[in-house]
Amino acid sequence: KYDFSIASQRIQKYVHTTISEFKHKGAERVIFCLGGDLLNSDRRLDEITAQATNRTQAQILAVEILRQAILDFAKLWPVDVIWVCGNEGRVNPEIGFNNIVASDNYDHSIPLILRILFEDYKGVTFHIPENPMEAVFTVNGQTVVLIHGHGGGGGSPTQKATKVRAKYAERGITVDFVIWGHIHEACISELFARSGSPAGANAFSDSALGLAGKASLNNYFVSVGGSISGSMIPLQDTKDWDGYDIDTSLVAYNAKSLSKTKKQTQILQIVV
């Protein structure tokens, strides 16, 4: 089962677990990376039948959950928000890779809405990507590339990271670390990391790719000396987490429709 209530619990668990780790490690700043696929697609039949609500309402729910997540970090540290677009959140049926087409995506509109909400909040900075497919930033002298991961490179994470690093090397940029997701299975190396998903495995990753991933997200700590360490936060179990506040009325329609398929209401009973 996965819905917005579970999503809010898992995101809250991730944020607070990361806060505990970062306090222990002496963090001075947080970079909040949104790696794409914030919403699922609604083009395929299995996605339509699995969706909790429509994507317009899902967008608002995602904004509300992420707003509270950013606020939790911002209470303790300055926060920079960086994002890229994935394939599932695109508005148009076809995948686009130029800036105009690729940014026509809920993965772009959600952080832009958040940017407006945090406009008067000091300490939270949103960095609009020049390239909605890839974001490059530097932390303590280390150059990091954030992508979603649906571009080229194949299924091997080592091969994918090597191609990204080689592409930037041809431009005279040395990439120290590559971060992506897309596959719904975590993988952390010294030079790259692939994040899982708070949704865990979906029908595509489980049946089409043969991956048995569970719900998780990664965090990364870059020391003053430039060393990068990654940590996978398991999120499958959330029984001790209340979750962030959400407007449940935005998912009420589908929830009511689902209940009708499970419970029959007797309108008239004739007893003889």
C-alpha atoms as a PDB file:
ATOM      1  CA  LYS A   1       0.000   0.000   0.000  1.00  0.00           C
ATOM      2  CA  TYR A   2       1.213   3.495  -0.811  1.00  0.00           C
ATOM      3  CA  ASP A   3      -0.728   6.725  -0.527  1.00  0.00           C
ATOM      4  CA  PHE A   4      -0.138  10.315   0.555  1.00  0.00           C
ATOM      5  CA  SER A   5      -0.490   9.520   4.254  1.00  0.00           C
ATOM      6  CA  ILE A   6       2.239   6.890   3.993  1.00  0.00           C
ATOM      7  CA  ALA A   7       4.319   9.248   1.846  1.00  0.00           C
ATOM      8  CA  SER A   8       4.100  11.953   4.523  1.00  0.00           C
ATOM      9  CA  GLN A   9       5.165   9.459   7.202  1.00  0.00           C
ATOM     10  CA  ARG A  10       8.121   8.220   5.190  1.00  0.00           C
ATOM     11  CA  ILE A  11       9.308  11.705   4.254  1.00  0.00           C
ATOM     12  CA  GLN A  12       9.027  12.801   7.877  1.00  0.00           C
ATOM     13  CA  LYS A  13      11.018   9.754   9.007  1.00  0.00           C
ATOM     14  CA  TYR A  14      13.676  10.478   6.393  1.00  0.00           C
ATOM     15  CA  VAL A  15      13.980  14.145   7.372  1.00  0.00           C
ATOM     16  CA  HIS A  16      14.196  13.567  11.113  1.00  0.00           C
ATOM     17  CA  THR A  17      16.599  10.628  10.772  1.00  0.00           C
ATOM     18  CA  THR A  18      18.799  12.773   8.535  1.00  0.00           C
ATOM     19  CA  ILE A  19      18.616  15.667  11.001  1.00  0.00           C
ATOM     20  CA  SER A  20      19.879  13.376  13.781  1.00  0.00           C
ATOM     21  CA  GLU A  21      22.749  12.168  11.597  1.00  0.00           C
ATOM     22  CA  PHE A  22      23.697  15.647  10.435  1.00  0.00           C
ATOM     23  CA  LYS A  23      23.667  17.050  13.981  1.00  0.00           C
ATOM     24  CA  HIS A  24      26.044  14.285  15.032  1.00  0.00           C
ATOM     25  CA  LYS A  25      28.359  14.987  12.076  1.00  0.00           C
ATOM     26  CA  GLY A  26      28.333  18.748  12.631  1.00  0.00           C
ATOM     27  CA  ALA A  27      26.544  19.867   9.483  1.00  0.00           C
ATOM     28  CA  GLU A  28      26.581  23.586   8.706  1.00  0.00           C
ATOM     29  CA  ARG A  29      24.271  23.707   5.690  1.00  0.00           C
ATOM     30  CA  VAL A  30      21.688  21.489   3.964  1.00  0.00           C
ATOM     31  CA  ILE A  31      21.242  21.060   0.236  1.00  0.00           C
ATOM     32  CA  PHE A  32      17.749  19.720  -0.413  1.00  0.00           C
ATOM     33  CA  CYS A  33      17.905  17.794  -3.702  1.00  0.00           C
ATOM     34  CA  LEU A  34      14.726  16.866  -5.566  1.00  0.00           C
ATOM     35  CA  GLY A  35      15.701  14.190  -8.066  1.00  0.00           C
ATOM     36  CA  GLY A  36      12.521  14.008 -10.129  1.00  0.00           C
ATOM     37  CA  ASP A  37       9.477  11.742 -10.359  1.00  0.00           C
ATOM     38  CA  LEU A  38       7.766  13.599  -7.519  1.00  0.00           C
ATOM     39  CA  LEU A  39       4.501  12.485  -9.106  1.00  0.00           C
ATOM     40  CA  ASN A  40       3.744   9.295 -10.987  1.00  0.00           C
ATOM     41  CA  SER A  41       2.690   9.221 -14.618  1.00  0.00           C
ATOM     42  CA  ASP A  42      -0.975   8.833 -15.554  1.00  0.00           C
ATOM     43  CA  ARG A  43      -0.487   7.651 -19.138  1.00  0.00           C
ATOM     44  CA  ARG A  44      -0.412   3.889 -18.679  1.00  0.00           C
ATOM     45  CA  LEU A  45      -3.302   1.724 -17.512  1.00  0.00           C
ATOM     46  CA  ASP A  46      -1.521   0.310 -14.458  1.00  0.00           C
ATOM     47  CA  GLU A  47      -0.679   3.867 -13.344  1.00  0.00           C
ATOM     48  CA  ILE A  48      -4.239   5.123 -13.836  1.00  0.00           C
ATOM     49  CA  THR A  49      -5.702   2.277 -11.792  1.00  0.00           C
ATOM     50  CA  ALA A  50      -3.136   2.756  -9.009  1.00  0.00           C
ATOM     51  CA  GLN A  51      -3.312   6.536  -8.609  1.00  0.00           C
ATOM     52  CA  ALA A  52      -4.637   7.953  -5.330  1.00  0.00           C
ATOM     53  CA  THR A  53      -5.939  11.147  -6.926  1.00  0.00           C
ATOM     54  CA  ASN A  54      -5.443  13.230 -10.065  1.00  0.00           C
ATOM     55  CA  ARG A  55      -2.104  14.912 -10.657  1.00  0.00           C
ATOM     56  CA  THR A  56      -3.330  18.464 -10.102  1.00  0.00           C
ATOM     57  CA  GLN A  57      -4.389  17.582  -6.565  1.00  0.00           C
ATOM     58  CA  ALA A  58      -1.339  15.361  -6.111  1.00  0.00           C
ATOM     59  CA  GLN A  59       0.836  18.367  -6.935  1.00  0.00           C
ATOM     60  CA  ILE A  60      -0.706  20.367  -4.076  1.00  0.00           C
ATOM     61  CA  LEU A  61      -0.271  17.452  -1.653  1.00  0.00           C
ATOM     62  CA  ALA A  62       3.367  17.081  -2.700  1.00  0.00           C
ATOM     63  CA  VAL A  63       3.948  20.805  -2.152  1.00  0.00           C
ATOM     64  CA  GLU A  64       2.468  20.617   1.328  1.00  0.00           C
ATOM     65  CA  ILE A  65       4.570  17.594   2.359  1.00  0.00           C
ATOM     66  CA  LEU A  66       7.794  19.043   0.951  1.00  0.00           C
ATOM     67  CA  ARG A  67       7.099  22.474   2.476  1.00  0.00           C
ATOM     68  CA  GLN A  68       7.027  20.920   5.939  1.00  0.00           C
ATOM     69  CA  ALA A  69      10.135  18.846   5.196  1.00  0.00           C
ATOM     70  CA  ILE A  70      12.118  21.924   4.130  1.00  0.00           C
ATOM     71  CA  LEU A  71      10.900  23.837   7.192  1.00  0.00           C
ATOM     72  CA  ASP A  72      12.201  21.103   9.502  1.00  0.00           C
ATOM     73  CA  PHE A  73      15.685  21.485   8.026  1.00  0.00           C
ATOM     74  CA  ALA A  74      15.434  25.295   7.885  1.00  0.00           C
ATOM     75  CA  LYS A  75      14.833  25.492  11.642  1.00  0.00           C
ATOM     76  CA  LEU A  76      18.415  24.311  12.117  1.00  0.00           C
ATOM     77  CA  TRP A  77      20.454  25.200   9.025  1.00  0.00           C
ATOM     78  CA  PRO A  78      20.479  27.357   5.913  1.00  0.00           C
ATOM     79  CA  VAL A  79      18.859  25.351   3.111  1.00  0.00           C
ATOM     80  CA  ASP A  80      19.533  25.392  -0.630  1.00  0.00           C
ATOM     81  CA  VAL A  81      16.913  23.694  -2.805  1.00  0.00           C
ATOM     82  CA  ILE A  82      18.098  22.159  -6.098  1.00  0.00           C
ATOM     83  CA  TRP A  83      16.023  20.097  -8.484  1.00  0.00           C
ATOM     84  CA  VAL A  84      15.882  18.241 -11.791  1.00  0.00           C
ATOM     85  CA  CYS A  85      12.998  16.770 -13.766  1.00  0.00           C
ATOM     86  CA  GLY A  86      12.228  13.084 -14.161  1.00  0.00           C
ATOM     87  CA  ASN A  87      10.277  11.146 -16.741  1.00  0.00           C
ATOM     88  CA  GLU A  88       7.148  10.311 -14.739  1.00  0.00           C
ATOM     89  CA  GLY A  89       6.248  13.904 -13.878  1.00  0.00           C
ATOM     90  CA  ARG A  90       6.186  15.217 -17.444  1.00  0.00           C
ATOM     91  CA  VAL A  91       2.981  16.880 -18.609  1.00  0.00           C
ATOM     92  CA  ASN A  92       3.209  15.808 -22.256  1.00  0.00           C
ATOM     93  CA  PRO A  93       3.009  12.158 -23.378  1.00  0.00           C
ATOM     94  CA  GLU A  94       6.467  12.130 -24.974  1.00  0.00           C
ATOM     95  CA  ILE A  95       9.767  12.542 -23.154  1.00  0.00           C
ATOM     96  CA  GLY A  96      11.565  15.758 -24.036  1.00  0.00           C
ATOM     97  CA  PHE A  97      15.180  16.682 -23.412  1.00  0.00           C
ATOM     98  CA  ASN A  98      15.463  20.330 -24.463  1.00  0.00           C
ATOM     99  CA  ASN A  99      14.880  22.924 -21.758  1.00  0.00           C
ATOM    100  CA  ILE A 100      11.396  24.068 -22.782  1.00  0.00           C
ATOM    101  CA  VAL A 101       9.959  20.582 -23.207  1.00  0.00           C
ATOM    102  CA  ALA A 102      11.743  18.983 -20.254  1.00  0.00           C
ATOM    103  CA  SER A 103      10.651  21.730 -17.842  1.00  0.00           C
ATOM    104  CA  ASP A 104       6.976  21.220 -18.774  1.00  0.00           C
ATOM    105  CA  ASN A 105       6.919  18.900 -15.808  1.00  0.00           C
ATOM    106  CA  TYR A 106       5.391  18.680 -12.341  1.00  0.00           C
ATOM    107  CA  ASP A 107       8.933  18.137 -11.041  1.00  0.00           C
ATOM    108  CA  HIS A 108       9.586  21.733 -12.107  1.00  0.00           C
ATOM    109  CA  SER A 109       6.283  23.312 -11.058  1.00  0.00           C
ATOM    110  CA  ILE A 110       6.317  21.850  -7.530  1.00  0.00           C
ATOM    111  CA  PRO A 111       9.616  23.501  -6.460  1.00  0.00           C
ATOM    112  CA  LEU A 112       8.578  26.717  -8.207  1.00  0.00           C
ATOM    113  CA  ILE A 113       5.414  26.782  -6.075  1.00  0.00           C
ATOM    114  CA  LEU A 114       7.546  26.068  -3.007  1.00  0.00           C
ATOM    115  CA  ARG A 115       9.834  28.947  -4.020  1.00  0.00           C
ATOM    116  CA  ILE A 116       6.875  31.342  -3.865  1.00  0.00           C
ATOM    117  CA  LEU A 117       5.796  29.985  -0.467  1.00  0.00           C
ATOM    118  CA  PHE A 118       9.314  30.545   0.927  1.00  0.00           C
ATOM    119  CA  GLU A 119       9.754  33.940  -0.697  1.00  0.00           C
ATOM    120  CA  ASP A 120       9.799  35.810   2.620  1.00  0.00           C
ATOM    121  CA  TYR A 121      11.555  33.061   4.593  1.00  0.00           C
ATOM    122  CA  LYS A 122      15.199  33.926   5.247  1.00  0.00           C
ATOM    123  CA  GLY A 123      17.644  31.042   5.028  1.00  0.00           C
ATOM    124  CA  VAL A 124      15.958  29.028   2.255  1.00  0.00           C
ATOM    125  CA  THR A 125      17.274  29.580  -1.277  1.00  0.00           C
ATOM    126  CA  PHE A 126      15.855  28.015  -4.432  1.00  0.00           C
ATOM    127  CA  HIS A 127      18.200  27.559  -7.388  1.00  0.00           C
ATOM    128  CA  ILE A 128      16.265  27.371 -10.662  1.00  0.00           C
ATOM    129  CA  PRO A 129      18.164  24.942 -12.909  1.00  0.00           C
ATOM    130  CA  GLU A 130      19.536  26.223 -16.189  1.00  0.00           C
ATOM    131  CA  ASN A 131      19.179  22.669 -17.484  1.00  0.00           C
ATOM    132  CA  PRO A 132      16.073  20.925 -16.076  1.00  0.00           C
ATOM    133  CA  MET A 133      17.691  17.555 -16.781  1.00  0.00           C
ATOM    134  CA  GLU A 134      20.972  18.095 -14.885  1.00  0.00           C
ATOM    135  CA  ALA A 135      22.073  20.288 -11.984  1.00  0.00           C
ATOM    136  CA  VAL A 136      25.739  20.887 -11.157  1.00  0.00           C
ATOM    137  CA  PHE A 137      26.758  22.327  -7.798  1.00  0.00           C
ATOM    138  CA  THR A 138      29.824  22.479  -5.564  1.00  0.00           C
ATOM    139  CA  VAL A 139      30.061  21.601  -1.872  1.00  0.00           C
ATOM    140  CA  ASN A 140      33.327  22.052   0.028  1.00  0.00           C
ATOM    141  CA  GLY A 141      35.247  21.970  -3.233  1.00  0.00           C
ATOM    142  CA  GLN A 142      33.490  18.845  -4.526  1.00  0.00           C
ATOM    143  CA  THR A 143      31.555  19.072  -7.787  1.00  0.00           C
ATOM    144  CA  VAL A 144      28.311  17.109  -7.740  1.00  0.00           C
ATOM    145  CA  VAL A 145      25.990  16.354 -10.661  1.00  0.00           C
ATOM    146  CA  LEU A 146      22.322  15.681  -9.887  1.00  0.00           C
ATOM    147  CA  ILE A 147      20.294  13.891 -12.569  1.00  0.00           C
ATOM    148  CA  HIS A 148      17.116  11.872 -12.517  1.00  0.00           C
ATOM    149  CA  GLY A 149      18.623   8.945 -14.397  1.00  0.00           C
ATOM    150  CA  HIS A 150      16.298   8.225 -17.327  1.00  0.00           C
ATOM    151  CA  GLY A 151      18.876   9.288 -19.901  1.00  0.00           C
ATOM    152  CA  GLY A 152      21.569   7.068 -21.409  1.00  0.00           C
ATOM    153  CA  GLY A 153      23.991   4.850 -19.538  1.00  0.00           C
ATOM    154  CA  GLY A 154      22.213   1.527 -19.299  1.00  0.00           C
ATOM    155  CA  GLY A 155      21.334  -0.468 -16.220  1.00  0.00           C
ATOM    156  CA  SER A 156      24.861  -0.529 -14.764  1.00  0.00           C
ATOM    157  CA  PRO A 157      25.295   2.310 -12.230  1.00  0.00           C
ATOM    158  CA  THR A 158      29.083   2.290 -12.697  1.00  0.00           C
ATOM    159  CA  GLN A 159      28.693   2.667 -16.456  1.00  0.00           C
ATOM    160  CA  LYS A 160      26.140   5.434 -16.028  1.00  0.00           C
ATOM    161  CA  ALA A 161      28.287   7.455 -13.621  1.00  0.00           C
ATOM    162  CA  THR A 162      31.350   6.988 -15.826  1.00  0.00           C
ATOM    163  CA  LYS A 163      29.508   8.386 -18.854  1.00  0.00           C
ATOM    164  CA  VAL A 164      28.316  11.416 -16.911  1.00  0.00           C
ATOM    165  CA  ARG A 165      31.815  12.102 -15.587  1.00  0.00           C
ATOM    166  CA  ALA A 166      33.330  11.655 -19.067  1.00  0.00           C
ATOM    167  CA  LYS A 167      30.838  14.058 -20.627  1.00  0.00           C
ATOM    168  CA  TYR A 168      31.729  16.797 -18.183  1.00  0.00           C
ATOM    169  CA  ALA A 169      35.452  16.035 -18.431  1.00  0.00           C
ATOM    170  CA  GLU A 170      35.269  16.896 -22.131  1.00  0.00           C
ATOM    171  CA  ARG A 171      33.967  20.315 -21.060  1.00  0.00           C
ATOM    172  CA  GLY A 172      36.846  20.760 -18.645  1.00  0.00           C
ATOM    173  CA  ILE A 173      34.762  20.027 -15.517  1.00  0.00           C
ATOM    174  CA  THR A 174      35.924  17.387 -13.052  1.00  0.00           C
ATOM    175  CA  VAL A 175      32.917  15.691 -11.464  1.00  0.00           C
ATOM    176  CA  ASP A 176      33.552  14.220  -8.031  1.00  0.00           C
ATOM    177  CA  PHE A 177      30.143  12.639  -7.391  1.00  0.00           C
ATOM    178  CA  VAL A 178      27.014  11.768  -9.373  1.00  0.00           C
ATOM    179  CA  ILE A 179      23.581  11.416  -7.749  1.00  0.00           C
ATOM    180  CA  TRP A 180      20.439   9.978  -9.344  1.00  0.00           C
ATOM    181  CA  GLY A 181      17.421   7.758  -8.709  1.00  0.00           C
ATOM    182  CA  HIS A 182      14.830   6.553 -11.255  1.00  0.00           C
ATOM    183  CA  ILE A 183      15.267   2.810 -10.642  1.00  0.00           C
ATOM    184  CA  HIS A 184      13.670   2.545  -7.141  1.00  0.00           C
ATOM    185  CA  GLU A 185      16.676   0.704  -5.707  1.00  0.00           C
ATOM    186  CA  ALA A 186      19.452   2.253  -3.630  1.00  0.00           C
ATOM    187  CA  CYS A 187      23.123   1.929  -4.530  1.00  0.00           C
ATOM    188  CA  ILE A 188      25.976   3.891  -2.922  1.00  0.00           C
ATOM    189  CA  SER A 189      29.589   4.012  -4.132  1.00  0.00           C
ATOM    190  CA  GLU A 190      32.621   6.248  -3.544  1.00  0.00           C
ATOM    191  CA  LEU A 191      32.011   8.153  -6.806  1.00  0.00           C
ATOM    192  CA  PHE A 192      28.259   7.937  -7.290  1.00  0.00           C
ATOM    193  CA  ALA A 193      24.983   7.028  -5.602  1.00  0.00           C
ATOM    194  CA  ARG A 194      21.549   6.007  -6.766  1.00  0.00           C
ATOM    195  CA  SER A 195      18.686   6.740  -4.424  1.00  0.00           C
ATOM    196  CA  GLY A 196      15.702   4.504  -3.859  1.00  0.00           C
ATOM    197  CA  SER A 197      12.165   5.845  -3.544  1.00  0.00           C
ATOM    198  CA  PRO A 198       9.739   6.552  -0.684  1.00  0.00           C
ATOM    199  CA  ALA A 199       7.243   4.563  -2.755  1.00  0.00           C
ATOM    200  CA  GLY A 200       9.463   1.484  -2.683  1.00  0.00           C
ATOM    201  CA  ALA A 201       9.300  -0.880  -5.622  1.00  0.00           C
ATOM    202  CA  ASN A 202       6.572  -0.231  -8.159  1.00  0.00           C
ATOM    203  CA  ALA A 203       5.076  -2.534 -10.778  1.00  0.00           C
ATOM    204  CA  PHE A 204       7.665  -1.523 -13.384  1.00  0.00           C
ATOM    205  CA  SER A 205      10.772  -1.866 -11.195  1.00  0.00           C
ATOM    206  CA  ASP A 206       9.500  -5.120  -9.694  1.00  0.00           C
ATOM    207  CA  SER A 207       8.118  -6.921 -12.731  1.00  0.00           C
ATOM    208  CA  ALA A 208       9.840  -5.272 -15.710  1.00  0.00           C
ATOM    209  CA  LEU A 209      13.291  -4.676 -14.182  1.00  0.00           C
ATOM    210  CA  GLY A 210      13.240  -7.557 -11.709  1.00  0.00           C
ATOM    211  CA  LEU A 211      14.333  -5.367  -8.772  1.00  0.00           C
ATOM    212  CA  ALA A 212      13.147  -6.077  -5.246  1.00  0.00           C
ATOM    213  CA  GLY A 213      13.660  -2.628  -3.756  1.00  0.00           C
ATOM    214  CA  LYS A 214      12.067  -1.367  -0.559  1.00  0.00           C
ATOM    215  CA  ALA A 215      11.144   2.193   0.413  1.00  0.00           C
ATOM    216  CA  SER A 216      14.265   4.242   1.127  1.00  0.00           C
ATOM    217  CA  LEU A 217      16.049   7.541   0.465  1.00  0.00           C
ATOM    218  CA  ASN A 218      19.712   8.515   0.654  1.00  0.00           C
ATOM    219  CA  ASN A 219      21.484  11.384   2.335  1.00  0.00           C
ATOM    220  CA  TYR A 220      25.065  12.521   1.783  1.00  0.00           C
ATOM    221  CA  PHE A 221      27.563  14.322   3.971  1.00  0.00           C
ATOM    222  CA  VAL A 222      30.425  16.316   2.452  1.00  0.00           C
ATOM    223  CA  SER A 223      33.157  17.068   4.980  1.00  0.00           C
ATOM    224  CA  VAL A 224      35.243  20.241   5.067  1.00  0.00           C
ATOM    225  CA  GLY A 225      38.098  18.189   3.606  1.00  0.00           C
ATOM    226  CA  GLY A 226      35.900  17.136   0.694  1.00  0.00           C
ATOM    227  CA  SER A 227      35.225  13.484   1.507  1.00  0.00           C
ATOM    228  CA  ILE A 228      31.704  12.331   0.590  1.00  0.00           C
ATOM    229  CA  SER A 229      29.831   9.665   2.531  1.00  0.00           C
ATOM    230  CA  GLY A 230      26.375   8.372   1.647  1.00  0.00           C
ATOM    231  CA  SER A 231      23.777   6.806   3.899  1.00  0.00           C
ATOM    232  CA  MET A 232      20.655   4.855   2.943  1.00  0.00           C
ATOM    233  CA  ILE A 233      17.643   5.546   5.212  1.00  0.00           C
ATOM    234  CA  PRO A 234      15.165   2.627   5.204  1.00  0.00           C
ATOM    235  CA  LEU A 235      11.575   3.909   5.120  1.00  0.00           C
ATOM    236  CA  GLN A 236       9.403   0.817   4.768  1.00  0.00           C
ATOM    237  CA  ASP A 237       8.359   0.773   8.431  1.00  0.00           C
ATOM    238  CA  THR A 238       6.694   3.983   9.658  1.00  0.00           C
ATOM    239  CA  LYS A 239       4.560   2.781  12.547  1.00  0.00           C
ATOM    240  CA  ASP A 240       6.142   5.257  14.994  1.00  0.00           C
ATOM    241  CA  TRP A 241       5.712   8.302  12.736  1.00  0.00           C
ATOM    242  CA  ASP A 242       2.630  10.530  12.589  1.00  0.00           C
ATOM    243  CA  GLY A 243       3.566  12.050   9.242  1.00  0.00           C
ATOM    244  CA  TYR A 244       3.232  15.604   7.990  1.00  0.00           C
ATOM    245  CA  ASP A 245      -0.167  17.289   7.811  1.00  0.00           C
ATOM    246  CA  ILE A 246      -1.978  16.909   4.493  1.00  0.00           C
ATOM    247  CA  ASP A 247      -5.374  17.934   3.159  1.00  0.00           C
ATOM    248  CA  THR A 248      -7.094  14.544   3.045  1.00  0.00           C
ATOM    249  CA  SER A 249     -10.063  16.003   1.151  1.00  0.00           C
ATOM    250  CA  LEU A 250      -7.851  16.054  -1.969  1.00  0.00           C
ATOM    251  CA  VAL A 251      -7.771  12.252  -2.013  1.00  0.00           C
ATOM    252  CA  ALA A 252     -11.305  11.688  -0.706  1.00  0.00           C
ATOM    253  CA  TYR A 253     -12.933  11.096  -4.100  1.00  0.00           C
ATOM    254  CA  ASN A 254     -10.844   8.104  -5.054  1.00  0.00           C
ATOM    255  CA  ALA A 255     -10.930   6.755  -1.520  1.00  0.00           C
ATOM    256  CA  LYS A 256     -14.725   6.800  -1.532  1.00  0.00           C
ATOM    257  CA  SER A 257     -14.848   5.226  -4.964  1.00  0.00           C
ATOM    258  CA  LEU A 258     -12.538   2.454  -3.768  1.00  0.00           C
ATOM    259  CA  SER A 259     -14.710   1.745  -0.726  1.00  0.00           C
ATOM    260  CA  LYS A 260     -17.716   1.204  -2.978  1.00  0.00           C
ATOM    261  CA  THR A 261     -15.941  -1.694  -4.653  1.00  0.00           C
ATOM    262  CA  LYS A 262     -15.274  -3.368  -1.308  1.00  0.00           C
ATOM    263  CA  LYS A 263     -18.471  -2.870   0.686  1.00  0.00           C
ATOM    264  CA  GLN A 264     -22.007  -3.203  -0.592  1.00  0.00           C
ATOM    265  CA  THR A 265     -24.649  -1.044   1.087  1.00  0.00           C
ATOM    266  CA  GLN A 266     -28.067  -2.611   1.431  1.00  0.00           C
ATOM    267  CA  ILE A 267     -30.732  -0.046   0.506  1.00  0.00           C
ATOM    268  CA  LEU A 268     -33.924  -2.106   0.867  1.00  0.00           C
ATOM    269  CA  GLN A 269     -34.495  -5.379   2.609  1.00  0.00           C
ATOM    270  CA  ILE A 270     -37.824  -7.202   2.405  1.00  0.00           C
ATOM    271  CA  VAL A 271     -38.458  -9.759   5.114  1.00  0.00           C
ATOM    272  CA  VAL A 272     -41.213 -12.293   4.552  1.00  0.00           C
END
